[in-house]
Amino acid sequence: KFLSQLRLYFPLLIIFSLMGCSKEKSPETSGFVQDDTLCQFHLGY
């Protein structure tokens, strides 16, 4: 009985496991946004 039920859910298990193998996601950003009001000493005074 367990094996017959597993056959029913097997395609779903394959789909969910393949979702993790999809294309690479773009790298996560840290949320850092350049603040132009801050002094940038590498540019000078």
All heavy atoms as atom14 arrays in JSON, in Angstrom:
{
  "sequence": "KFLSQLRLYFPLLIIFSLMGCSKEKSPETSGFVQDDTLCQFHLGY",
  "atom14_mask": [
    [1, 1, 1, 1, 1, 1, 1, 1, 1, 0, 0, 0, 0, 0],
    [1, 1, 1, 1, 1, 1, 1, 1, 1, 1, 1, 0, 0, 0],
    [1, 1, 1, 1, 1, 1, 1, 1, 0, 0, 0, 0, 0, 0],
    [1, 1, 1, 1, 1, 1, 0, 0, 0, 0, 0, 0, 0, 0],
    [1, 1, 1, 1, 1, 1, 1, 1, 1, 0, 0, 0, 0, 0],
    [1, 1, 1, 1, 1, 1, 1, 1, 0, 0, 0, 0, 0, 0],
    [1, 1, 1, 1, 1, 1, 1, 1, 1, 1, 1, 0, 0, 0],
    [1, 1, 1, 1, 1, 1, 1, 1, 0, 0, 0, 0, 0, 0],
    [1, 1, 1, 1, 1, 1, 1, 1, 1, 1, 1, 1, 0, 0],
    [1, 1, 1, 1, 1, 1, 1, 1, 1, 1, 1, 0, 0, 0],
    [1, 1, 1, 1, 1, 1, 1, 0, 0, 0, 0, 0, 0, 0],
    [1, 1, 1, 1, 1, 1, 1, 1, 0, 0, 0, 0, 0, 0],
    [1, 1, 1, 1, 1, 1, 1, 1, 0, 0, 0, 0, 0, 0],
    [1, 1, 1, 1, 1, 1, 1, 1, 0, 0, 0, 0, 0, 0],
    [1, 1, 1, 1, 1, 1, 1, 1, 0, 0, 0, 0, 0, 0],
    [1, 1, 1, 1, 1, 1, 1, 1, 1, 1, 1, 0, 0, 0],
    [1, 1, 1, 1, 1, 1, 0, 0, 0, 0, 0, 0, 0, 0],
    [1, 1, 1, 1, 1, 1, 1, 1, 0, 0, 0, 0, 0, 0],
    [1, 1, 1, 1, 1, 1, 1, 1, 0, 0, 0, 0, 0, 0],
    [1, 1, 1, 1, 0, 0, 0, 0, 0, 0, 0, 0, 0, 0],
    [1, 1, 1, 1, 1, 1, 0, 0, 0, 0, 0, 0, 0, 0],
    [1, 1, 1, 1, 1, 1, 0, 0, 0, 0, 0, 0, 0, 0],
    [1, 1, 1, 1, 1, 1, 1, 1, 1, 0, 0, 0, 0, 0],
    [1, 1, 1, 1, 1, 1, 1, 1, 1, 0, 0, 0, 0, 0],
    [1, 1, 1, 1, 1, 1, 1, 1, 1, 0, 0, 0, 0, 0],
    [1, 1, 1, 1, 1, 1, 0, 0, 0, 0, 0, 0, 0, 0],
    [1, 1, 1, 1, 1, 1, 1, 0, 0, 0, 0, 0, 0, 0],
    [1, 1, 1, 1, 1, 1, 1, 1, 1, 0, 0, 0, 0, 0],
    [1, 1, 1, 1, 1, 1, 1, 0, 0, 0, 0, 0, 0, 0],
    [1, 1, 1, 1, 1, 1, 0, 0, 0, 0, 0, 0, 0, 0],
    [1, 1, 1, 1, 0, 0, 0, 0, 0, 0, 0, 0, 0, 0],
    [1, 1, 1, 1, 1, 1, 1, 1, 1, 1, 1, 0, 0, 0],
    [1, 1, 1, 1, 1, 1, 1, 0, 0, 0, 0, 0, 0, 0],
    [1, 1, 1, 1, 1, 1, 1, 1, 1, 0, 0, 0, 0, 0],
    [1, 1, 1, 1, 1, 1, 1, 1, 0, 0, 0, 0, 0, 0],
    [1, 1, 1, 1, 1, 1, 1, 1, 0, 0, 0, 0, 0, 0],
    [1, 1, 1, 1, 1, 1, 1, 0, 0, 0, 0, 0, 0, 0],
    [1, 1, 1, 1, 1, 1, 1, 1, 0, 0, 0, 0, 0, 0],
    [1, 1, 1, 1, 1, 1, 0, 0, 0, 0, 0, 0, 0, 0],
    [1, 1, 1, 1, 1, 1, 1, 1, 1, 0, 0, 0, 0, 0],
    [1, 1, 1, 1, 1, 1, 1, 1, 1, 1, 1, 0, 0, 0],
    [1, 1, 1, 1, 1, 1, 1, 1, 1, 1, 0, 0, 0, 0],
    [1, 1, 1, 1, 1, 1, 1, 1, 0, 0, 0, 0, 0, 0],
    [1, 1, 1, 1, 0, 0, 0, 0, 0, 0, 0, 0, 0, 0],
    [1, 1, 1, 1, 1, 1, 1, 1, 1, 1, 1, 1, 0, 0]
  ],
  "atom14_positions": [
    [[0.84, -1.2, 0.0], [0.0, 0.0, 0.0], [0.88, 1.25, 0.0], [0.61, 2.23, -0.7], [-0.92, -0.03, 1.21], [-1.94, 1.06, 1.21], [-2.89, 0.9, 2.39], [-3.95, 1.97, 2.33], [-4.85, 1.91, 3.44], [0.0, 0.0, 0.0], [0.0, 0.0, 0.0], [0.0, 0.0, 0.0], [0.0, 0.0, 0.0], [0.0, 0.0, 0.0]],
    [[1.92, 1.22, 0.78], [2.84, 2.36, 0.86], [3.5, 2.62, -0.49], [3.61, 3.76, -0.94], [3.9, 2.11, 1.94], [4.94, 3.18, 2.01], [4.64, 4.42, 2.56], [6.22, 2.97, 1.51], [5.6, 5.41, 2.62], [7.18, 3.95, 1.56], [6.88, 5.19, 2.12], [0.0, 0.0, 0.0], [0.0, 0.0, 0.0], [0.0, 0.0, 0.0]],
    [[3.93, 1.54, -1.17], [4.58, 1.69, -2.47], [3.61, 2.22, -3.52], [3.98, 3.03, -4.36], [5.17, 0.36, -2.92], [6.4, -0.12, -2.14], [6.82, -1.5, -2.62], [7.53, 0.86, -2.31], [0.0, 0.0, 0.0], [0.0, 0.0, 0.0], [0.0, 0.0, 0.0], [0.0, 0.0, 0.0], [0.0, 0.0, 0.0], [0.0, 0.0, 0.0]],
    [[2.37, 1.81, -3.47], [1.4, 2.32, -4.45], [1.11, 3.8, -4.2], [0.93, 4.56, -5.14], [0.11, 1.49, -4.43], [-0.56, 1.64, -3.2], [0.0, 0.0, 0.0], [0.0, 0.0, 0.0], [0.0, 0.0, 0.0], [0.0, 0.0, 0.0], [0.0, 0.0, 0.0], [0.0, 0.0, 0.0], [0.0, 0.0, 0.0], [0.0, 0.0, 0.0]],
    [[1.08, 4.21, -2.95], [0.88, 5.63, -2.65], [2.11, 6.44, -3.04], [2.0, 7.56, -3.51], [0.57, 5.84, -1.17], [-0.82, 5.4, -0.79], [-1.08, 5.6, 0.69], [-0.17, 5.84, 1.47], [-2.35, 5.47, 1.08], [0.0, 0.0, 0.0], [0.0, 0.0, 0.0], [0.0, 0.0, 0.0], [0.0, 0.0, 0.0], [0.0, 0.0, 0.0]],
    [[3.25, 5.86, -2.85], [4.49, 6.53, -3.22], [4.54, 6.78, -4.72], [4.99, 7.84, -5.16], [5.7, 5.7, -2.77], [7.07, 6.33, -3.0], [7.21, 7.64, -2.23], [8.16, 5.36, -2.58], [0.0, 0.0, 0.0], [0.0, 0.0, 0.0], [0.0, 0.0, 0.0], [0.0, 0.0, 0.0], [0.0, 0.0, 0.0], [0.0, 0.0, 0.0]],
    [[4.04, 5.81, -5.52], [3.99, 5.99, -6.98], [3.14, 7.18, -7.37], [3.43, 7.88, -8.32], [3.45, 4.72, -7.64], [4.51, 3.87, -8.24], [3.95, 2.75, -9.05], [3.16, 1.88, -8.14], [2.2, 1.08, -8.52], [1.85, 1.02, -9.77], [1.56, 0.34, -7.67], [0.0, 0.0, 0.0], [0.0, 0.0, 0.0], [0.0, 0.0, 0.0]],
    [[2.08, 7.42, -6.6], [1.2, 8.57, -6.89], [1.92, 9.9, -6.62], [1.73, 10.88, -7.33], [-0.08, 8.49, -6.06], [-1.04, 7.36, -6.39], [-2.17, 7.32, -5.38], [-1.58, 7.54, -7.81], [0.0, 0.0, 0.0], [0.0, 0.0, 0.0], [0.0, 0.0, 0.0], [0.0, 0.0, 0.0], [0.0, 0.0, 0.0], [0.0, 0.0, 0.0]],
    [[2.71, 9.94, -5.58], [3.38, 11.19, -5.19], [4.78, 11.33, -5.76], [5.39, 12.39, -5.65], [3.44, 11.28, -3.66], [2.07, 11.42, -3.04], [1.48, 10.34, -2.39], [1.37, 12.61, -3.13], [0.22, 10.45, -1.83], [0.1, 12.73, -2.57], [-0.45, 11.66, -1.92], [-1.69, 11.78, -1.38], [0.0, 0.0, 0.0], [0.0, 0.0, 0.0]],
    [[5.27, 10.28, -6.38], [6.63, 10.29, -6.92], [6.85, 11.43, -7.93], [7.86, 12.13, -7.83], [6.97, 8.93, -7.54], [8.4, 8.81, -7.94], [9.38, 8.69, -6.97], [8.77, 8.84, -9.28], [10.71, 8.58, -7.34], [10.09, 8.74, -9.65], [11.07, 8.61, -8.68], [0.0, 0.0, 0.0], [0.0, 0.0, 0.0], [0.0, 0.0, 0.0]],
    [[5.93, 11.67, -8.88], [6.15, 12.79, -9.8], [6.26, 14.14, -9.09], [7.07, 14.99, -9.45], [4.93, 12.76, -10.72], [4.42, 11.36, -10.65], [4.75, 10.89, -9.26], [0.0, 0.0, 0.0], [0.0, 0.0, 0.0], [0.0, 0.0, 0.0], [0.0, 0.0, 0.0], [0.0, 0.0, 0.0], [0.0, 0.0, 0.0], [0.0, 0.0, 0.0]],
    [[5.48, 14.34, -8.03], [5.57, 15.59, -7.26], [6.92, 15.72, -6.56], [7.52, 16.8, -6.51], [4.43, 15.67, -6.24], [3.04, 15.93, -6.8], [2.0, 15.85, -5.7], [2.99, 17.28, -7.48], [0.0, 0.0, 0.0], [0.0, 0.0, 0.0], [0.0, 0.0, 0.0], [0.0, 0.0, 0.0], [0.0, 0.0, 0.0], [0.0, 0.0, 0.0]],
    [[7.39, 14.63, -6.0], [8.69, 14.65, -5.34], [9.81, 15.0, -6.34], [10.72, 15.77, -6.02], [8.98, 13.29, -4.68], [8.13, 12.95, -3.46], [8.39, 11.51, -3.03], [8.44, 13.91, -2.34], [0.0, 0.0, 0.0], [0.0, 0.0, 0.0], [0.0, 0.0, 0.0], [0.0, 0.0, 0.0], [0.0, 0.0, 0.0], [0.0, 0.0, 0.0]],
    [[9.72, 14.44, -7.55], [10.73, 14.73, -8.58], [10.67, 16.22, -8.95], [11.7, 16.89, -9.04], [10.51, 13.85, -9.83], [10.74, 12.38, -9.5], [11.38, 14.3, -10.99], [12.15, 12.03, -9.11], [0.0, 0.0, 0.0], [0.0, 0.0, 0.0], [0.0, 0.0, 0.0], [0.0, 0.0, 0.0], [0.0, 0.0, 0.0], [0.0, 0.0, 0.0]],
    [[9.47, 16.75, -9.14], [9.33, 18.16, -9.52], [9.91, 19.07, -8.44], [10.67, 20.0, -8.74], [7.84, 18.5, -9.8], [7.4, 17.81, -11.09], [7.64, 20.01, -9.9], [5.9, 17.9, -11.34], [0.0, 0.0, 0.0], [0.0, 0.0, 0.0], [0.0, 0.0, 0.0], [0.0, 0.0, 0.0], [0.0, 0.0, 0.0], [0.0, 0.0, 0.0]],
    [[9.58, 18.8, -7.17], [10.1, 19.64, -6.1], [11.61, 19.53, -5.97], [12.3, 20.51, -5.73], [9.45, 19.28, -4.76], [8.05, 19.81, -4.63], [7.01, 18.95, -4.33], [7.75, 21.15, -4.82], [5.71, 19.41, -4.22], [6.46, 21.63, -4.71], [5.43, 20.75, -4.4], [0.0, 0.0, 0.0], [0.0, 0.0, 0.0], [0.0, 0.0, 0.0]],
    [[12.15, 18.36, -6.17], [13.61, 18.21, -6.07], [14.31, 18.88, -7.23], [15.41, 19.42, -7.09], [13.99, 16.73, -5.97], [13.67, 16.06, -7.16], [0.0, 0.0, 0.0], [0.0, 0.0, 0.0], [0.0, 0.0, 0.0], [0.0, 0.0, 0.0], [0.0, 0.0, 0.0], [0.0, 0.0, 0.0], [0.0, 0.0, 0.0], [0.0, 0.0, 0.0]],
    [[13.69, 18.88, -8.42], [14.3, 19.54, -9.57], [14.21, 21.06, -9.48], [15.0, 21.77, -10.09], [13.66, 19.05, -10.86], [13.97, 17.61, -11.26], [13.21, 17.22, -12.52], [15.47, 17.42, -11.44], [0.0, 0.0, 0.0], [0.0, 0.0, 0.0], [0.0, 0.0, 0.0], [0.0, 0.0, 0.0], [0.0, 0.0, 0.0], [0.0, 0.0, 0.0]],
    [[13.26, 21.56, -8.73], [13.15, 23.01, -8.57], [14.41, 23.57, -7.94], [14.83, 24.68, -8.25], [11.92, 23.37, -7.73], [10.62, 23.18, -8.48], [9.19, 23.48, -7.45], [9.23, 25.24, -7.33], [0.0, 0.0, 0.0], [0.0, 0.0, 0.0], [0.0, 0.0, 0.0], [0.0, 0.0, 0.0], [0.0, 0.0, 0.0], [0.0, 0.0, 0.0]],
    [[15.02, 22.83, -7.07], [16.28, 23.26, -6.47], [17.43, 23.22, -7.45], [18.47, 23.82, -7.22], [0.0, 0.0, 0.0], [0.0, 0.0, 0.0], [0.0, 0.0, 0.0], [0.0, 0.0, 0.0], [0.0, 0.0, 0.0], [0.0, 0.0, 0.0], [0.0, 0.0, 0.0], [0.0, 0.0, 0.0], [0.0, 0.0, 0.0], [0.0, 0.0, 0.0]],
    [[17.27, 22.54, -8.57], [18.32, 22.44, -9.58], [18.07, 23.38, -10.75], [18.64, 23.19, -11.82], [18.42, 21.0, -10.1], [18.82, 19.81, -8.83], [0.0, 0.0, 0.0], [0.0, 0.0, 0.0], [0.0, 0.0, 0.0], [0.0, 0.0, 0.0], [0.0, 0.0, 0.0], [0.0, 0.0, 0.0], [0.0, 0.0, 0.0], [0.0, 0.0, 0.0]],
    [[17.18, 24.31, -10.59], [16.9, 25.24, -11.68], [18.08, 26.16, -11.91], [19.08, 26.08, -11.21], [15.64, 26.03, -11.37], [15.84, 26.82, -10.23], [0.0, 0.0, 0.0], [0.0, 0.0, 0.0], [0.0, 0.0, 0.0], [0.0, 0.0, 0.0], [0.0, 0.0, 0.0], [0.0, 0.0, 0.0], [0.0, 0.0, 0.0], [0.0, 0.0, 0.0]],
    [[17.96, 27.06, -12.87], [19.04, 27.98, -13.19], [19.56, 28.66, -11.94], [18.84, 28.86, -10.97], [18.53, 29.08, -14.12], [18.37, 28.71, -15.53], [18.06, 30.0, -16.28], [17.59, 29.77, -17.68], [17.23, 31.03, -18.31], [0.0, 0.0, 0.0], [0.0, 0.0, 0.0], [0.0, 0.0, 0.0], [0.0, 0.0, 0.0], [0.0, 0.0, 0.0]],
    [[20.83, 29.06, -12.02], [21.41, 29.77, -10.88], [20.65, 31.05, -10.66], [20.32, 31.76, -11.58], [22.87, 30.12, -11.17], [23.82, 29.03, -10.86], [25.24, 29.49, -10.98], [25.55, 30.63, -10.6], [26.05, 28.7, -11.46], [0.0, 0.0, 0.0], [0.0, 0.0, 0.0], [0.0, 0.0, 0.0], [0.0, 0.0, 0.0], [0.0, 0.0, 0.0]],
    [[20.41, 31.32, -9.4], [19.76, 32.57, -9.05], [20.82, 33.66, -9.03], [21.98, 33.4, -8.78], [19.1, 32.46, -7.68], [17.94, 31.47, -7.67], [17.33, 31.41, -6.3], [16.2, 30.42, -6.27], [15.62, 30.29, -4.96], [0.0, 0.0, 0.0], [0.0, 0.0, 0.0], [0.0, 0.0, 0.0], [0.0, 0.0, 0.0], [0.0, 0.0, 0.0]],
    [[20.39, 34.88, -9.27], [21.35, 35.98, -9.19], [21.79, 36.11, -7.74], [21.04, 35.8, -6.82], [20.72, 37.27, -9.69], [19.6, 37.58, -8.89], [0.0, 0.0, 0.0], [0.0, 0.0, 0.0], [0.0, 0.0, 0.0], [0.0, 0.0, 0.0], [0.0, 0.0, 0.0], [0.0, 0.0, 0.0], [0.0, 0.0, 0.0], [0.0, 0.0, 0.0]],
    [[23.0, 36.57, -7.53], [23.51, 36.66, -6.16], [22.63, 37.59, -5.32], [22.14, 38.6, -5.8], [24.92, 37.22, -6.31], [25.08, 37.59, -7.73], [23.95, 37.04, -8.51], [0.0, 0.0, 0.0], [0.0, 0.0, 0.0], [0.0, 0.0, 0.0], [0.0, 0.0, 0.0], [0.0, 0.0, 0.0], [0.0, 0.0, 0.0], [0.0, 0.0, 0.0]],
    [[22.46, 37.2, -4.1], [21.68, 38.02, -3.18], [22.42, 39.32, -2.91], [23.63, 39.34, -2.76], [21.49, 37.27, -1.85], [20.68, 36.02, -1.96], [19.19, 36.3, -2.06], [18.72, 37.27, -1.44], [18.51, 35.55, -2.77], [0.0, 0.0, 0.0], [0.0, 0.0, 0.0], [0.0, 0.0, 0.0], [0.0, 0.0, 0.0], [0.0, 0.0, 0.0]],
    [[21.69, 40.39, -2.83], [22.31, 41.67, -2.47], [22.14, 41.86, -0.98], [21.17, 41.39, -0.39], [21.68, 42.84, -3.24], [20.29, 42.85, -2.93], [21.89, 42.7, -4.73], [0.0, 0.0, 0.0], [0.0, 0.0, 0.0], [0.0, 0.0, 0.0], [0.0, 0.0, 0.0], [0.0, 0.0, 0.0], [0.0, 0.0, 0.0], [0.0, 0.0, 0.0]],
    [[23.04, 42.57, -0.39], [22.99, 42.77, 1.05], [22.06, 43.9, 1.43], [21.91, 44.21, 2.6], [24.41, 43.09, 1.57], [24.83, 44.33, 1.04], [0.0, 0.0, 0.0], [0.0, 0.0, 0.0], [0.0, 0.0, 0.0], [0.0, 0.0, 0.0], [0.0, 0.0, 0.0], [0.0, 0.0, 0.0], [0.0, 0.0, 0.0], [0.0, 0.0, 0.0]],
    [[21.44, 44.54, 0.46], [20.58, 45.66, 0.77], [21.37, 46.96, 0.88], [20.83, 47.99, 1.21], [0.0, 0.0, 0.0], [0.0, 0.0, 0.0], [0.0, 0.0, 0.0], [0.0, 0.0, 0.0], [0.0, 0.0, 0.0], [0.0, 0.0, 0.0], [0.0, 0.0, 0.0], [0.0, 0.0, 0.0], [0.0, 0.0, 0.0], [0.0, 0.0, 0.0]],
    [[22.66, 46.9, 0.62], [23.51, 48.09, 0.72], [23.22, 49.01, -0.45], [23.25, 48.63, -1.6], [24.99, 47.68, 0.7], [25.93, 48.86, 0.66], [26.17, 49.59, 1.79], [26.56, 49.22, -0.52], [27.02, 50.67, 1.76], [27.41, 50.29, -0.57], [27.64, 51.02, 0.58], [0.0, 0.0, 0.0], [0.0, 0.0, 0.0], [0.0, 0.0, 0.0]],
    [[22.92, 50.24, -0.11], [22.69, 51.27, -1.12], [23.71, 52.37, -0.86], [23.86, 52.84, 0.26], [21.26, 51.84, -1.0], [21.06, 52.98, -1.97], [20.24, 50.74, -1.24], [0.0, 0.0, 0.0], [0.0, 0.0, 0.0], [0.0, 0.0, 0.0], [0.0, 0.0, 0.0], [0.0, 0.0, 0.0], [0.0, 0.0, 0.0], [0.0, 0.0, 0.0]],
    [[24.42, 52.75, -1.9], [25.43, 53.8, -1.76], [24.76, 55.1, -1.34], [23.86, 55.57, -2.0], [26.18, 53.99, -3.08], [27.24, 55.08, -3.04], [28.4, 54.73, -2.12], [28.82, 53.59, -2.07], [28.9, 55.71, -1.41], [0.0, 0.0, 0.0], [0.0, 0.0, 0.0], [0.0, 0.0, 0.0], [0.0, 0.0, 0.0], [0.0, 0.0, 0.0]],
    [[25.21, 55.67, -0.24], [24.68, 56.93, 0.27], [25.59, 58.05, -0.2], [26.71, 58.2, 0.29], [24.61, 56.87, 1.8], [23.97, 58.09, 2.42], [23.77, 59.1, 1.71], [23.69, 58.05, 3.63], [0.0, 0.0, 0.0], [0.0, 0.0, 0.0], [0.0, 0.0, 0.0], [0.0, 0.0, 0.0], [0.0, 0.0, 0.0], [0.0, 0.0, 0.0]],
    [[25.1, 58.86, -1.13], [25.92, 59.93, -1.7], [26.13, 61.1, -0.75], [26.88, 62.01, -1.06], [25.3, 60.42, -3.01], [25.34, 59.35, -4.09], [26.26, 58.5, -4.06], [24.45, 59.35, -4.96], [0.0, 0.0, 0.0], [0.0, 0.0, 0.0], [0.0, 0.0, 0.0], [0.0, 0.0, 0.0], [0.0, 0.0, 0.0], [0.0, 0.0, 0.0]],
    [[25.45, 61.1, 0.4], [25.66, 62.19, 1.36], [26.89, 61.93, 2.23], [27.33, 62.83, 2.93], [24.43, 62.37, 2.26], [24.24, 61.2, 3.06], [23.17, 62.65, 1.44], [0.0, 0.0, 0.0], [0.0, 0.0, 0.0], [0.0, 0.0, 0.0], [0.0, 0.0, 0.0], [0.0, 0.0, 0.0], [0.0, 0.0, 0.0], [0.0, 0.0, 0.0]],
    [[27.43, 60.72, 2.18], [28.6, 60.39, 2.99], [29.87, 60.87, 2.3], [29.96, 60.88, 1.07], [28.7, 58.88, 3.2], [27.53, 58.21, 3.92], [27.76, 56.71, 4.02], [27.31, 58.82, 5.29], [0.0, 0.0, 0.0], [0.0, 0.0, 0.0], [0.0, 0.0, 0.0], [0.0, 0.0, 0.0], [0.0, 0.0, 0.0], [0.0, 0.0, 0.0]],
    [[30.83, 61.28, 3.1], [32.13, 61.69, 2.55], [32.79, 60.49, 1.9], [32.76, 59.38, 2.43], [33.03, 62.21, 3.67], [32.44, 63.72, 4.46], [0.0, 0.0, 0.0], [0.0, 0.0, 0.0], [0.0, 0.0, 0.0], [0.0, 0.0, 0.0], [0.0, 0.0, 0.0], [0.0, 0.0, 0.0], [0.0, 0.0, 0.0], [0.0, 0.0, 0.0]],
    [[33.38, 60.73, 0.74], [34.14, 59.7, 0.01], [35.59, 60.18, -0.06], [35.99, 60.85, -1.0], [33.56, 59.5, -1.39], [32.12, 59.03, -1.4], [31.98, 57.64, -0.82], [32.85, 56.79, -0.94], [30.85, 57.4, -0.19], [0.0, 0.0, 0.0], [0.0, 0.0, 0.0], [0.0, 0.0, 0.0], [0.0, 0.0, 0.0], [0.0, 0.0, 0.0]],
    [[36.37, 59.85, 0.96], [37.72, 60.4, 1.08], [38.65, 59.94, -0.04], [39.62, 60.62, -0.33], [38.3, 60.06, 2.45], [37.49, 60.66, 3.58], [36.91, 59.86, 4.54], [37.29, 62.03, 3.66], [36.16, 60.4, 5.58], [36.54, 62.59, 4.69], [35.98, 61.77, 5.65], [0.0, 0.0, 0.0], [0.0, 0.0, 0.0], [0.0, 0.0, 0.0]],
    [[38.36, 58.8, -0.66], [39.21, 58.37, -1.78], [39.07, 59.33, -2.97], [39.92, 59.36, -3.85], [38.88, 56.94, -2.19], [37.53, 56.78, -2.8], [36.37, 56.72, -2.06], [37.15, 56.69, -4.1], [35.34, 56.6, -2.87], [35.79, 56.57, -4.11], [0.0, 0.0, 0.0], [0.0, 0.0, 0.0], [0.0, 0.0, 0.0], [0.0, 0.0, 0.0]],
    [[38.02, 60.15, -2.96], [37.84, 61.16, -4.02], [38.45, 62.51, -3.64], [38.51, 63.41, -4.46], [36.35, 61.35, -4.32], [35.62, 60.13, -4.86], [34.13, 60.42, -5.01], [36.22, 59.67, -6.18], [0.0, 0.0, 0.0], [0.0, 0.0, 0.0], [0.0, 0.0, 0.0], [0.0, 0.0, 0.0], [0.0, 0.0, 0.0], [0.0, 0.0, 0.0]],
    [[38.84, 62.65, -2.38], [39.45, 63.9, -1.91], [38.72, 64.45, -0.69], [37.99, 63.74, -0.01], [0.0, 0.0, 0.0], [0.0, 0.0, 0.0], [0.0, 0.0, 0.0], [0.0, 0.0, 0.0], [0.0, 0.0, 0.0], [0.0, 0.0, 0.0], [0.0, 0.0, 0.0], [0.0, 0.0, 0.0], [0.0, 0.0, 0.0], [0.0, 0.0, 0.0]],
    [[38.95, 65.72, -0.43], [38.36, 66.38, 0.72], [36.83, 66.4, 0.63], [36.27, 66.5, -0.45], [38.86, 67.82, 0.85], [40.25, 67.94, 1.44], [41.38, 67.86, 0.65], [40.41, 68.15, 2.81], [42.65, 67.98, 1.2], [41.67, 68.27, 3.37], [42.79, 68.18, 2.56], [44.04, 68.3, 3.11], [0.0, 0.0, 0.0], [0.0, 0.0, 0.0]]
  ]
}
